């Protein structure tokens, strides 16, 4: 059983001695693809049924979409998720840095207080 896209090599001979190799990914009309076993059954975003007779727009290698619009929306959603994750990591890093700075400042202030107390005695 074959699933996915495949290249069909076809040699076209002309009257001259040269041959041209044409690679076609077009499905022949007498071939049927068992959709039960195909991972490209529905659009990854809107769940619309994908047809092997219509264009399927791919993203990240294995995600199929019914239209360029659905594919572009998914790209924007993924970019927003990545930005959100990056922002959370930056905020967490900033908070950790601030906490360490506060601890260091409090230790320095404590040392200054101790030195003042010793100098008064």
PDB file of N, CA and C in Angstrom:
ATOM      1  N   UNK A   1       0.850  -1.172   0.000  1.00  0.00           N
ATOM      2  CA  UNK A   1       0.000   0.000   0.000  1.00  0.00           C
ATOM      3  C   UNK A   1       0.897   1.238   0.000  1.00  0.00           C
ATOM      4  N   UNK A   2       0.589   2.184  -0.867  1.00  0.00           N
ATOM      5  CA  UNK A   2       1.351   3.412  -0.957  1.00  0.00           C
ATOM      6  C   UNK A   2       0.517   4.555  -0.407  1.00  0.00           C
ATOM      7  N   UNK A   3       1.147   5.396   0.418  1.00  0.00           N
ATOM      8  CA  UNK A   3       0.464   6.536   1.001  1.00  0.00           C
ATOM      9  C   UNK A   3       1.301   7.771   0.730  1.00  0.00           C
ATOM     10  N   UNK A   4       0.650   8.872   0.420  1.00  0.00           N
ATOM     11  CA  UNK A   4       1.371  10.121   0.219  1.00  0.00           C
ATOM     12  C   UNK A   4       1.610  10.398  -1.249  1.00  0.00           C
ATOM     13  N   UNK A   5       2.507  11.331  -1.500  1.00  0.00           N
ATOM     14  CA  UNK A   5       2.816  11.735  -2.862  1.00  0.00           C
ATOM     15  C   UNK A   5       3.944  10.873  -3.410  1.00  0.00           C
ATOM     16  N   UNK A   6       3.912  10.639  -4.704  1.00  0.00           N
ATOM     17  CA  UNK A   6       5.012   9.912  -5.318  1.00  0.00           C
ATOM     18  C   UNK A   6       5.269  10.492  -6.691  1.00  0.00           C
ATOM     19  N   UNK A   7       6.477  10.303  -7.178  1.00  0.00           N
ATOM     20  CA  UNK A   7       6.863  10.782  -8.491  1.00  0.00           C
ATOM     21  C   UNK A   7       6.754   9.640  -9.479  1.00  0.00           C
ATOM     22  N   UNK A   8       6.157   9.908 -10.609  1.00  0.00           N
ATOM     23  CA  UNK A   8       5.996   8.897 -11.641  1.00  0.00           C
ATOM     24  C   UNK A   8       6.904   9.260 -12.813  1.00  0.00           C
ATOM     25  N   UNK A   9       8.079   8.603 -12.938  1.00  0.00           N
ATOM     26  CA  UNK A   9       8.961   8.937 -14.057  1.00  0.00           C
ATOM     27  C   UNK A   9       8.379   8.425 -15.371  1.00  0.00           C
ATOM     28  N   UNK A  10       8.489   9.231 -16.392  1.00  0.00           N
ATOM     29  CA  UNK A  10       7.951   8.873 -17.689  1.00  0.00           C
ATOM     30  C   UNK A  10       8.937   9.374 -18.738  1.00  0.00           C
ATOM     31  N   UNK A  11       9.409   8.490 -19.578  1.00  0.00           N
ATOM     32  CA  UNK A  11      10.372   8.877 -20.598  1.00  0.00           C
ATOM     33  C   UNK A  11       9.620   9.184 -21.885  1.00  0.00           C
ATOM     34  N   UNK A  12       9.866  10.383 -22.400  1.00  0.00           N
ATOM     35  CA  UNK A  12       9.230  10.807 -23.638  1.00  0.00           C
ATOM     36  C   UNK A  12      10.297  10.806 -24.721  1.00  0.00           C
ATOM     37  N   UNK A  13      10.082  10.023 -25.750  1.00  0.00           N
ATOM     38  CA  UNK A  13      11.040   9.959 -26.851  1.00  0.00           C
ATOM     39  C   UNK A  13      10.604  10.902 -27.952  1.00  0.00           C
ATOM     40  N   UNK A  14      11.556  11.571 -28.504  1.00  0.00           N
ATOM     41  CA  UNK A  14      11.279  12.423 -29.650  1.00  0.00           C
ATOM     42  C   UNK A  14      11.975  11.819 -30.862  1.00  0.00           C
ATOM     43  N   UNK A  15      11.844  12.452 -32.014  1.00  0.00           N
ATOM     44  CA  UNK A  15      12.471  11.929 -33.229  1.00  0.00           C
ATOM     45  C   UNK A  15      13.981  12.024 -33.155  1.00  0.00           C
ATOM     46  N   UNK A  16      14.488  12.953 -32.345  1.00  0.00           N
ATOM     47  CA  UNK A  16      15.935  13.057 -32.176  1.00  0.00           C
ATOM     48  C   UNK A  16      16.408  11.987 -31.202  1.00  0.00           C
ATOM     49  N   UNK A  17      17.684  11.924 -30.979  1.00  0.00           N
ATOM     50  CA  UNK A  17      18.268  10.894 -30.117  1.00  0.00           C
ATOM     51  C   UNK A  17      18.124  11.204 -28.629  1.00  0.00           C
ATOM     52  N   UNK A  18      17.675  12.400 -28.285  1.00  0.00           N
ATOM     53  CA  UNK A  18      17.603  12.756 -26.862  1.00  0.00           C
ATOM     54  C   UNK A  18      16.284  12.301 -26.253  1.00  0.00           C
ATOM     55  N   UNK A  19      16.348  11.959 -24.993  1.00  0.00           N
ATOM     56  CA  UNK A  19      15.157  11.592 -24.220  1.00  0.00           C
ATOM     57  C   UNK A  19      14.949  12.636 -23.135  1.00  0.00           C
ATOM     58  N   UNK A  20      13.721  12.915 -22.808  1.00  0.00           N
ATOM     59  CA  UNK A  20      13.381  13.861 -21.747  1.00  0.00           C
ATOM     60  C   UNK A  20      12.688  13.078 -20.656  1.00  0.00           C
ATOM     61  N   UNK A  21      13.141  13.250 -19.430  1.00  0.00           N
ATOM     62  CA  UNK A  21      12.523  12.588 -18.279  1.00  0.00           C
ATOM     63  C   UNK A  21      11.578  13.573 -17.613  1.00  0.00           C
ATOM     64  N   UNK A  22      10.312  13.211 -17.559  1.00  0.00           N
ATOM     65  CA  UNK A  22       9.297  14.065 -16.944  1.00  0.00           C
ATOM     66  C   UNK A  22       8.852  13.394 -15.654  1.00  0.00           C
ATOM     67  N   UNK A  23       8.882  14.142 -14.548  1.00  0.00           N
ATOM     68  CA  UNK A  23       8.408  13.614 -13.272  1.00  0.00           C
ATOM     69  C   UNK A  23       7.060  14.239 -12.987  1.00  0.00           C
ATOM     70  N   UNK A  24       6.069  13.421 -12.864  1.00  0.00           N
ATOM     71  CA  UNK A  24       4.706  13.906 -12.662  1.00  0.00           C
ATOM     72  C   UNK A  24       4.174  13.423 -11.328  1.00  0.00           C
ATOM     73  N   UNK A  25       3.491  14.307 -10.610  1.00  0.00           N
ATOM     74  CA  UNK A  25       2.848  13.925  -9.355  1.00  0.00           C
ATOM     75  C   UNK A  25       1.339  13.920  -9.525  1.00  0.00           C
ATOM     76  N   UNK A  26       0.889  13.914 -10.768  1.00  0.00           N
ATOM     77  CA  UNK A  26      -0.537  13.930 -11.043  1.00  0.00           C
ATOM     78  C   UNK A  26      -1.089  12.521 -10.924  1.00  0.00           C
ATOM     79  N   UNK A  27      -2.222  12.392 -10.252  1.00  0.00           N
ATOM     80  CA  UNK A  27      -2.865  11.095 -10.051  1.00  0.00           C
ATOM     81  C   UNK A  27      -3.600  10.708 -11.322  1.00  0.00           C
ATOM     82  N   UNK A  28      -3.374   9.491 -11.774  1.00  0.00           N
ATOM     83  CA  UNK A  28      -4.099   9.000 -12.931  1.00  0.00           C
ATOM     84  C   UNK A  28      -5.548   8.757 -12.540  1.00  0.00           C
ATOM     85  N   UNK A  29      -6.459   8.918 -13.496  1.00  0.00           N
ATOM     86  CA  UNK A  29      -7.881   8.830 -13.187  1.00  0.00           C
ATOM     87  C   UNK A  29      -8.304   7.430 -12.753  1.00  0.00           C
ATOM     88  N   UNK A  30      -7.605   6.381 -13.199  1.00  0.00           N
ATOM     89  CA  UNK A  30      -8.008   5.023 -12.823  1.00  0.00           C
ATOM     90  C   UNK A  30      -7.411   4.582 -11.489  1.00  0.00           C
ATOM     91  N   UNK A  31      -6.540   5.389 -10.899  1.00  0.00           N
ATOM     92  CA  UNK A  31      -5.951   5.053  -9.598  1.00  0.00           C
ATOM     93  C   UNK A  31      -6.804   5.659  -8.490  1.00  0.00           C
ATOM     94  N   UNK A  32      -6.952   4.920  -7.426  1.00  0.00           N
ATOM     95  CA  UNK A  32      -7.663   5.456  -6.261  1.00  0.00           C
ATOM     96  C   UNK A  32      -6.754   5.395  -5.057  1.00  0.00           C
ATOM     97  N   UNK A  33      -6.840   6.403  -4.230  1.00  0.00           N
ATOM     98  CA  UNK A  33      -6.053   6.466  -2.999  1.00  0.00           C
ATOM     99  C   UNK A  33      -6.984   6.111  -1.854  1.00  0.00           C
ATOM    100  N   UNK A  34      -6.658   5.093  -1.076  1.00  0.00           N
ATOM    101  CA  UNK A  34      -7.527   4.759   0.059  1.00  0.00           C
ATOM    102  C   UNK A  34      -7.439   5.842   1.125  1.00  0.00           C
ATOM    103  N   UNK A  35      -8.488   6.653   1.249  1.00  0.00           N
ATOM    104  CA  UNK A  35      -8.461   7.783   2.180  1.00  0.00           C
ATOM    105  C   UNK A  35      -8.497   7.342   3.641  1.00  0.00           C
ATOM    106  N   UNK A  36      -8.886   6.091   3.907  1.00  0.00           N
ATOM    107  CA  UNK A  36      -8.899   5.608   5.286  1.00  0.00           C
ATOM    108  C   UNK A  36      -7.495   5.567   5.879  1.00  0.00           C
ATOM    109  N   UNK A  37      -6.500   5.370   5.033  1.00  0.00           N
ATOM    110  CA  UNK A  37      -5.138   5.195   5.505  1.00  0.00           C
ATOM    111  C   UNK A  37      -4.287   6.435   5.271  1.00  0.00           C
ATOM    112  N   UNK A  38      -4.868   7.476   4.742  1.00  0.00           N
ATOM    113  CA  UNK A  38      -4.117   8.679   4.390  1.00  0.00           C
ATOM    114  C   UNK A  38      -4.187   9.695   5.535  1.00  0.00           C
ATOM    115  N   UNK A  39      -3.058  10.268   5.898  1.00  0.00           N
ATOM    116  CA  UNK A  39      -3.048  11.267   6.969  1.00  0.00           C
ATOM    117  C   UNK A  39      -3.523  12.626   6.465  1.00  0.00           C
ATOM    118  N   UNK A  40      -3.721  12.782   5.177  1.00  0.00           N
ATOM    119  CA  UNK A  40      -4.196  14.041   4.620  1.00  0.00           C
ATOM    120  C   UNK A  40      -5.694  13.967   4.314  1.00  0.00           C
ATOM    121  N   UNK A  41      -6.470  13.525   5.288  1.00  0.00           N
ATOM    122  CA  UNK A  41      -7.910  13.395   5.075  1.00  0.00           C
ATOM    123  C   UNK A  41      -8.630  14.723   5.253  1.00  0.00           C
ATOM    124  N   UNK A  42      -8.208  15.511   6.239  1.00  0.00           N
ATOM    125  CA  UNK A  42      -8.898  16.771   6.528  1.00  0.00           C
ATOM    126  C   UNK A  42      -7.899  17.895   6.688  1.00  0.00           C
ATOM    127  N   UNK A  43      -8.390  19.115   6.501  1.00  0.00           N
ATOM    128  CA  UNK A  43      -7.570  20.313   6.688  1.00  0.00           C
ATOM    129  C   UNK A  43      -7.139  20.381   8.152  1.00  0.00           C
ATOM    130  N   UNK A  44      -5.881  20.673   8.366  1.00  0.00           N
ATOM    131  CA  UNK A  44      -5.324  20.710   9.721  1.00  0.00           C
ATOM    132  C   UNK A  44      -5.919  21.842  10.564  1.00  0.00           C
ATOM    133  N   UNK A  45      -6.526  22.844   9.921  1.00  0.00           N
ATOM    134  CA  UNK A  45      -7.072  23.973  10.670  1.00  0.00           C
ATOM    135  C   UNK A  45      -8.601  23.917  10.769  1.00  0.00           C
ATOM    136  N   UNK A  46      -9.284  23.812   9.633  1.00  0.00           N
ATOM    137  CA  UNK A  46     -10.758  23.902   9.648  1.00  0.00           C
ATOM    138  C   UNK A  46     -11.446  22.543   9.551  1.00  0.00           C
ATOM    139  N   UNK A  47     -10.678  21.480   9.446  1.00  0.00           N
ATOM    140  CA  UNK A  47     -11.194  20.103   9.360  1.00  0.00           C
ATOM    141  C   UNK A  47     -12.060  19.845   8.134  1.00  0.00           C
ATOM    142  N   UNK A  48     -11.946  20.682   7.124  1.00  0.00           N
ATOM    143  CA  UNK A  48     -12.667  20.461   5.876  1.00  0.00           C
ATOM    144  C   UNK A  48     -12.052  19.247   5.172  1.00  0.00           C
ATOM    145  N   UNK A  49     -12.903  18.444   4.545  1.00  0.00           N
ATOM    146  CA  UNK A  49     -12.448  17.245   3.843  1.00  0.00           C
ATOM    147  C   UNK A  49     -11.508  17.643   2.706  1.00  0.00           C
ATOM    148  N   UNK A  50     -10.323  17.015   2.644  1.00  0.00           N
ATOM    149  CA  UNK A  50      -9.381  17.262   1.560  1.00  0.00           C
ATOM    150  C   UNK A  50      -9.642  16.271   0.440  1.00  0.00           C
ATOM    151  N   UNK A  51      -9.547  16.746  -0.766  1.00  0.00           N
ATOM    152  CA  UNK A  51      -9.796  15.901  -1.927  1.00  0.00           C
ATOM    153  C   UNK A  51      -8.490  15.640  -2.653  1.00  0.00           C
ATOM    154  N   UNK A  52      -8.230  14.391  -3.061  1.00  0.00           N
ATOM    155  CA  UNK A  52      -7.001  14.115  -3.810  1.00  0.00           C
ATOM    156  C   UNK A  52      -7.015  14.759  -5.193  1.00  0.00           C
ATOM    157  N   UNK A  53      -8.178  15.247  -5.638  1.00  0.00           N
ATOM    158  CA  UNK A  53      -8.285  15.877  -6.948  1.00  0.00           C
ATOM    159  C   UNK A  53      -8.049  17.381  -6.895  1.00  0.00           C
ATOM    160  N   UNK A  54      -7.900  17.940  -5.693  1.00  0.00           N
ATOM    161  CA  UNK A  54      -7.665  19.375  -5.532  1.00  0.00           C
ATOM    162  C   UNK A  54      -6.313  19.594  -4.876  1.00  0.00           C
ATOM    163  N   UNK A  55      -5.827  20.824  -4.973  1.00  0.00           N
ATOM    164  CA  UNK A  55      -4.541  21.171  -4.366  1.00  0.00           C
ATOM    165  C   UNK A  55      -4.620  21.036  -2.858  1.00  0.00           C
ATOM    166  N   UNK A  56      -3.541  20.530  -2.275  1.00  0.00           N
ATOM    167  CA  UNK A  56      -3.387  20.456  -0.820  1.00  0.00           C
ATOM    168  C   UNK A  56      -2.159  21.289  -0.489  1.00  0.00           C
ATOM    169  N   UNK A  57      -2.319  22.244   0.398  1.00  0.00           N
ATOM    170  CA  UNK A  57      -1.247  23.163   0.752  1.00  0.00           C
ATOM    171  C   UNK A  57      -0.552  22.645   2.006  1.00  0.00           C
ATOM    172  N   UNK A  58       0.740  22.358   1.890  1.00  0.00           N
ATOM    173  CA  UNK A  58       1.498  21.720   2.967  1.00  0.00           C
ATOM    174  C   UNK A  58       2.234  22.749   3.811  1.00  0.00           C
ATOM    175  N   UNK A  59       2.416  22.399   5.081  1.00  0.00           N
ATOM    176  CA  UNK A  59       3.164  23.229   6.027  1.00  0.00           C
ATOM    177  C   UNK A  59       3.860  22.306   7.011  1.00  0.00           C
ATOM    178  N   UNK A  60       5.116  22.591   7.278  1.00  0.00           N
ATOM    179  CA  UNK A  60       5.948  21.810   8.196  1.00  0.00           C
ATOM    180  C   UNK A  60       6.005  20.330   7.830  1.00  0.00           C
ATOM    181  N   UNK A  61       5.924  20.054   6.554  1.00  0.00           N
ATOM    182  CA  UNK A  61       6.155  18.704   6.074  1.00  0.00           C
ATOM    183  C   UNK A  61       4.981  17.763   6.114  1.00  0.00           C
ATOM    184  N   UNK A  62       4.173  17.786   7.159  1.00  0.00           N
ATOM    185  CA  UNK A  62       3.121  16.779   7.272  1.00  0.00           C
ATOM    186  C   UNK A  62       1.743  17.346   7.579  1.00  0.00           C
ATOM    187  N   UNK A  63       1.596  18.645   7.563  1.00  0.00           N
ATOM    188  CA  UNK A  63       0.303  19.250   7.839  1.00  0.00           C
ATOM    189  C   UNK A  63      -0.305  19.736   6.531  1.00  0.00           C
ATOM    190  N   UNK A  64      -1.491  19.208   6.179  1.00  0.00           N
ATOM    191  CA  UNK A  64      -2.155  19.582   4.946  1.00  0.00           C
ATOM    192  C   UNK A  64      -3.290  20.566   5.201  1.00  0.00           C
ATOM    193  N   UNK A  65      -3.476  21.496   4.272  1.00  0.00           N
ATOM    194  CA  UNK A  65      -4.512  22.518   4.404  1.00  0.00           C
ATOM    195  C   UNK A  65      -5.289  22.626   3.105  1.00  0.00           C
ATOM    196  N   UNK A  66      -6.573  23.000   3.224  1.00  0.00           N
ATOM    197  CA  UNK A  66      -7.461  23.073   2.060  1.00  0.00           C
ATOM    198  C   UNK A  66      -7.213  24.322   1.227  1.00  0.00           C
ATOM    199  N   UNK A  67      -6.633  25.358   1.824  1.00  0.00           N
ATOM    200  CA  UNK A  67      -6.428  26.616   1.099  1.00  0.00           C
ATOM    201  C   UNK A  67      -5.182  27.321   1.626  1.00  0.00           C
ATOM    202  N   UNK A  68      -4.743  28.287   0.845  1.00  0.00           N
ATOM    203  CA  UNK A  68      -3.598  29.101   1.275  1.00  0.00           C
ATOM    204  C   UNK A  68      -3.972  29.891   2.531  1.00  0.00           C
ATOM    205  N   UNK A  69      -5.219  30.331   2.617  1.00  0.00           N
ATOM    206  CA  UNK A  69      -5.666  31.108   3.776  1.00  0.00           C
ATOM    207  C   UNK A  69      -5.563  30.295   5.059  1.00  0.00           C
ATOM    208  N   UNK A  70      -6.037  29.028   5.016  1.00  0.00           N
ATOM    209  CA  UNK A  70      -5.942  28.171   6.211  1.00  0.00           C
ATOM    210  C   UNK A  70      -4.480  27.939   6.585  1.00  0.00           C
ATOM    211  N   UNK A  71      -3.644  27.692   5.594  1.00  0.00           N
ATOM    212  CA  UNK A  71      -2.217  27.465   5.841  1.00  0.00           C
ATOM    213  C   UNK A  71      -1.594  28.706   6.474  1.00  0.00           C
ATOM    214  N   UNK A  72      -1.891  29.889   5.930  1.00  0.00           N
ATOM    215  CA  UNK A  72      -1.332  31.131   6.471  1.00  0.00           C
ATOM    216  C   UNK A  72      -1.828  31.410   7.880  1.00  0.00           C
ATOM    217  N   UNK A  73      -3.101  31.108   8.152  1.00  0.00           N
ATOM    218  CA  UNK A  73      -3.623  31.279   9.522  1.00  0.00           C
ATOM    219  C   UNK A  73      -2.865  30.390  10.500  1.00  0.00           C
ATOM    220  N   UNK A  74      -2.589  29.147  10.103  1.00  0.00           N
ATOM    221  CA  UNK A  74      -1.848  28.234  10.975  1.00  0.00           C
ATOM    222  C   UNK A  74      -0.438  28.753  11.227  1.00  0.00           C
ATOM    223  N   UNK A  75       0.190  29.299  10.191  1.00  0.00           N
ATOM    224  CA  UNK A  75       1.534  29.866  10.352  1.00  0.00           C
ATOM    225  C   UNK A  75       1.510  31.002  11.366  1.00  0.00           C
ATOM    226  N   UNK A  76       0.513  31.889  11.255  1.00  0.00           N
ATOM    227  CA  UNK A  76       0.384  33.017  12.194  1.00  0.00           C
ATOM    228  C   UNK A  76       0.135  32.500  13.607  1.00  0.00           C
ATOM    229  N   UNK A  77      -0.739  31.499  13.757  1.00  0.00           N
ATOM    230  CA  UNK A  77      -1.010  30.921  15.079  1.00  0.00           C
ATOM    231  C   UNK A  77       0.257  30.328  15.688  1.00  0.00           C
ATOM    232  N   UNK A  78       1.030  29.613  14.885  1.00  0.00           N
ATOM    233  CA  UNK A  78       2.281  29.032  15.381  1.00  0.00           C
ATOM    234  C   UNK A  78       3.270  30.112  15.793  1.00  0.00           C
ATOM    235  N   UNK A  79       3.350  31.181  15.002  1.00  0.00           N
ATOM    236  CA  UNK A  79       4.257  32.280  15.350  1.00  0.00           C
ATOM    237  C   UNK A  79       3.817  32.957  16.646  1.00  0.00           C
ATOM    238  N   UNK A  80       2.505  33.102  16.842  1.00  0.00           N
ATOM    239  CA  UNK A  80       1.995  33.708  18.080  1.00  0.00           C
ATOM    240  C   UNK A  80       2.332  32.825  19.283  1.00  0.00           C
ATOM    241  N   UNK A  81       2.186  31.506  19.141  1.00  0.00           N
ATOM    242  CA  UNK A  81       2.533  30.595  20.235  1.00  0.00           C
ATOM    243  C   UNK A  81       4.014  30.687  20.565  1.00  0.00           C
ATOM    244  N   UNK A  82       4.856  30.712  19.521  1.00  0.00           N
ATOM    245  CA  UNK A  82       6.292  30.815  19.750  1.00  0.00           C
ATOM    246  C   UNK A  82       6.652  32.128  20.432  1.00  0.00           C
ATOM    247  N   UNK A  83       6.003  33.218  20.024  1.00  0.00           N
ATOM    248  CA  UNK A  83       6.246  34.524  20.648  1.00  0.00           C
ATOM    249  C   UNK A  83       5.805  34.523  22.104  1.00  0.00           C
ATOM    250  N   UNK A  84       4.663  33.911  22.377  1.00  0.00           N
ATOM    251  CA  UNK A  84       4.165  33.823  23.756  1.00  0.00           C
ATOM    252  C   UNK A  84       5.128  33.030  24.640  1.00  0.00           C
ATOM    253  N   UNK A  85       5.616  31.904  24.130  1.00  0.00           N
ATOM    254  CA  UNK A  85       6.571  31.086  24.887  1.00  0.00           C
ATOM    255  C   UNK A  85       7.854  31.866  25.134  1.00  0.00           C
ATOM    256  N   UNK A  86       8.337  32.545  24.101  1.00  0.00           N
ATOM    257  CA  UNK A  86       9.562  33.340  24.239  1.00  0.00           C
ATOM    258  C   UNK A  86       9.386  34.465  25.255  1.00  0.00           C
ATOM    259  N   UNK A  87       8.222  35.125  25.219  1.00  0.00           N
ATOM    260  CA  UNK A  87       7.955  36.212  26.161  1.00  0.00           C
ATOM    261  C   UNK A  87       7.903  35.690  27.593  1.00  0.00           C
ATOM    262  N   UNK A  88       7.247  34.550  27.800  1.00  0.00           N
ATOM    263  CA  UNK A  88       7.181  33.955  29.143  1.00  0.00           C
ATOM    264  C   UNK A  88       8.571  33.617  29.657  1.00  0.00           C
ATOM    265  N   UNK A  89       9.429  33.090  28.777  1.00  0.00           N
ATOM    266  CA  UNK A  89      10.790  32.750  29.189  1.00  0.00           C
ATOM    267  C   UNK A  89      11.577  34.004  29.547  1.00  0.00           C
ATOM    268  N   UNK A  90      11.380  35.094  28.778  1.00  0.00           N
ATOM    269  CA  UNK A  90      12.081  36.340  29.076  1.00  0.00           C
ATOM    270  C   UNK A  90      11.625  36.911  30.417  1.00  0.00           C
ATOM    271  N   UNK A  91      10.313  36.892  30.666  1.00  0.00           N
ATOM    272  CA  UNK A  91       9.786  37.419  31.941  1.00  0.00           C
ATOM    273  C   UNK A  91      10.307  36.587  33.108  1.00  0.00           C
ATOM    274  N   UNK A  92      10.303  35.272  32.939  1.00  0.00           N
ATOM    275  CA  UNK A  92      10.802  34.397  34.003  1.00  0.00           C
ATOM    276  C   UNK A  92      12.286  34.660  34.270  1.00  0.00           C
ATOM    277  N   UNK A  93      13.055  34.837  33.213  1.00  0.00           N
ATOM    278  CA  UNK A  93      14.478  35.128  33.370  1.00  0.00           C
ATOM    279  C   UNK A  93      14.684  36.475  34.068  1.00  0.00           C
ATOM    280  N   UNK A  94      13.882  37.482  33.696  1.00  0.00           N
ATOM    281  CA  UNK A  94      13.968  38.794  34.326  1.00  0.00           C
ATOM    282  C   UNK A  94      13.642  38.714  35.817  1.00  0.00           C
ATOM    283  N   UNK A  95      12.574  37.982  36.155  1.00  0.00           N
ATOM    284  CA  UNK A  95      12.202  37.845  37.565  1.00  0.00           C
ATOM    285  C   UNK A  95      13.290  37.149  38.359  1.00  0.00           C
ATOM    286  N   UNK A  96      13.861  36.109  37.764  1.00  0.00           N
ATOM    287  CA  UNK A  96      14.932  35.383  38.451  1.00  0.00           C
ATOM    288  C   UNK A  96      16.134  36.297  38.665  1.00  0.00           C
ATOM    289  N   UNK A  97      16.456  37.074  37.657  1.00  0.00           N
ATOM    290  CA  UNK A  97      17.573  38.010  37.755  1.00  0.00           C
ATOM    291  C   UNK A  97      17.305  39.054  38.837  1.00  0.00           C
ATOM    292  N   UNK A  98      16.067  39.589  38.862  1.00  0.00           N
ATOM    293  CA  UNK A  98      15.708  40.593  39.871  1.00  0.00           C
ATOM    294  C   UNK A  98      15.775  40.009  41.279  1.00  0.00           C
ATOM    295  N   UNK A  99      15.312  38.782  41.447  1.00  0.00           N
ATOM    296  CA  UNK A  99      15.357  38.141  42.761  1.00  0.00           C
ATOM    297  C   UNK A  99      16.799  37.957  43.228  1.00  0.00           C
ATOM    298  N   UNK A 100      17.669  37.556  42.323  1.00  0.00           N
ATOM    299  CA  UNK A 100      19.078  37.395  42.687  1.00  0.00           C
ATOM    300  C   UNK A 100      19.700  38.740  43.045  1.00  0.00           C
ATOM    301  N   UNK A 101      19.341  39.789  42.305  1.00  0.00           N
ATOM    302  CA  UNK A 101      19.864  41.124  42.583  1.00  0.00           C
ATOM    303  C   UNK A 101      19.362  41.618  43.940  1.00  0.00           C
ATOM    304  N   UNK A 102      18.097  41.358  44.263  1.00  0.00           N
ATOM    305  CA  UNK A 102      17.552  41.761  45.563  1.00  0.00           C
ATOM    306  C   UNK A 102      18.286  41.059  46.698  1.00  0.00           C
ATOM    307  N   UNK A 103      18.527  39.749  46.508  1.00  0.00           N
ATOM    308  CA  UNK A 103      19.261  39.009  47.551  1.00  0.00           C
ATOM    309  C   UNK A 103      20.656  39.583  47.742  1.00  0.00           C
ATOM    310  N   UNK A 104      21.316  39.881  46.631  1.00  0.00           N
ATOM    311  CA  UNK A 104      22.670  40.429  46.715  1.00  0.00           C
ATOM    312  C   UNK A 104      22.658  41.799  47.386  1.00  0.00           C
ATOM    313  N   UNK A 105      21.682  42.640  47.047  1.00  0.00           N
ATOM    314  CA  UNK A 105      21.560  43.965  47.663  1.00  0.00           C
ATOM    315  C   UNK A 105      21.297  43.849  49.156  1.00  0.00           C
ATOM    316  N   UNK A 106      20.427  42.931  49.531  1.00  0.00           N
ATOM    317  CA  UNK A 106      20.142  42.782  50.966  1.00  0.00           C
ATOM    318  C   UNK A 106      21.372  42.273  51.714  1.00  0.00           C
ATOM    319  N   UNK A 107      22.166  41.408  51.114  1.00  0.00           N
ATOM    320  CA  UNK A 107      23.401  40.947  51.760  1.00  0.00           C
ATOM    321  C   UNK A 107      24.398  42.091  51.928  1.00  0.00           C
ATOM    322  N   UNK A 108      24.509  42.937  50.915  1.00  0.00           N
ATOM    323  CA  UNK A 108      25.428  44.086  50.996  1.00  0.00           C
ATOM    324  C   UNK A 108      24.965  45.047  52.088  1.00  0.00           C
ATOM    325  N   UNK A 109      23.664  45.329  52.142  1.00  0.00           N
ATOM    326  CA  UNK A 109      23.143  46.223  53.180  1.00  0.00           C
ATOM    327  C   UNK A 109      23.363  45.639  54.575  1.00  0.00           C
ATOM    328  N   UNK A 110      23.187  44.344  54.695  1.00  0.00           N
ATOM    329  CA  UNK A 110      23.421  43.691  55.991  1.00  0.00           C
ATOM    330  C   UNK A 110      24.890  43.807  56.395  1.00  0.00           C
ATOM    331  N   UNK A 111      25.782  43.637  55.434  1.00  0.00           N
ATOM    332  CA  UNK A 111      27.219  43.785  55.727  1.00  0.00           C
ATOM    333  C   UNK A 111      27.542  45.210  56.176  1.00  0.00           C
ATOM    334  N   UNK A 112      26.943  46.209  55.519  1.00  0.00           N
ATOM    335  CA  UNK A 112      27.186  47.616  55.890  1.00  0.00           C
ATOM    336  C   UNK A 112      26.668  47.881  57.302  1.00  0.00           C
ATOM    337  N   UNK A 113      25.502  47.364  57.651  1.00  0.00           N
ATOM    338  CA  UNK A 113      24.955  47.530  59.004  1.00  0.00           C
ATOM    339  C   UNK A 113      25.880  46.905  60.045  1.00  0.00           C
ATOM    340  N   UNK A 114      26.369  45.712  59.729  1.00  0.00           N
ATOM    341  CA  UNK A 114      27.262  45.020  60.677  1.00  0.00           C
ATOM    342  C   UNK A 114      28.552  45.807  60.870  1.00  0.00           C
ATOM    343  N   UNK A 115      29.089  46.373  59.785  1.00  0.00           N
ATOM    344  CA  UNK A 115      30.318  47.157  59.896  1.00  0.00           C
ATOM    345  C   UNK A 115      30.091  48.422  60.729  1.00  0.00           C
ATOM    346  N   UNK A 116      28.939  49.059  60.573  1.00  0.00           N
ATOM    347  CA  UNK A 116      28.621  50.252  61.357  1.00  0.00           C
ATOM    348  C   UNK A 116      28.490  49.918  62.837  1.00  0.00           C
ATOM    349  N   UNK A 117      27.833  48.787  63.107  1.00  0.00           N
ATOM    350  CA  UNK A 117      27.690  48.370  64.510  1.00  0.00           C
ATOM    351  C   UNK A 117      29.049  48.089  65.125  1.00  0.00           C
ATOM    352  N   UNK A 118      29.945  47.432  64.401  1.00  0.00           N
ATOM    353  CA  UNK A 118      31.284  47.145  64.932  1.00  0.00           C
ATOM    354  C   UNK A 118      32.094  48.407  65.146  1.00  0.00           C
ATOM    355  N   UNK A 119      31.934  49.396  64.245  1.00  0.00           N
ATOM    356  CA  UNK A 119      32.705  50.637  64.388  1.00  0.00           C
ATOM    357  C   UNK A 119      32.213  51.473  65.570  1.00  0.00           C
ATOM    358  N   UNK A 120      30.929  51.351  65.962  1.00  0.00           N
ATOM    359  CA  UNK A 120      30.384  52.088  67.087  1.00  0.00           C
ATOM    360  C   UNK A 120      30.834  51.470  68.402  1.00  0.00           C
ATOM    361  N   UNK A 121      31.116  50.201  68.410  1.00  0.00           N
ATOM    362  CA  UNK A 121      31.452  49.526  69.657  1.00  0.00           C
ATOM    363  C   UNK A 121      32.879  49.721  70.034  1.00  0.00           C
TER     364      UNK A 121
END
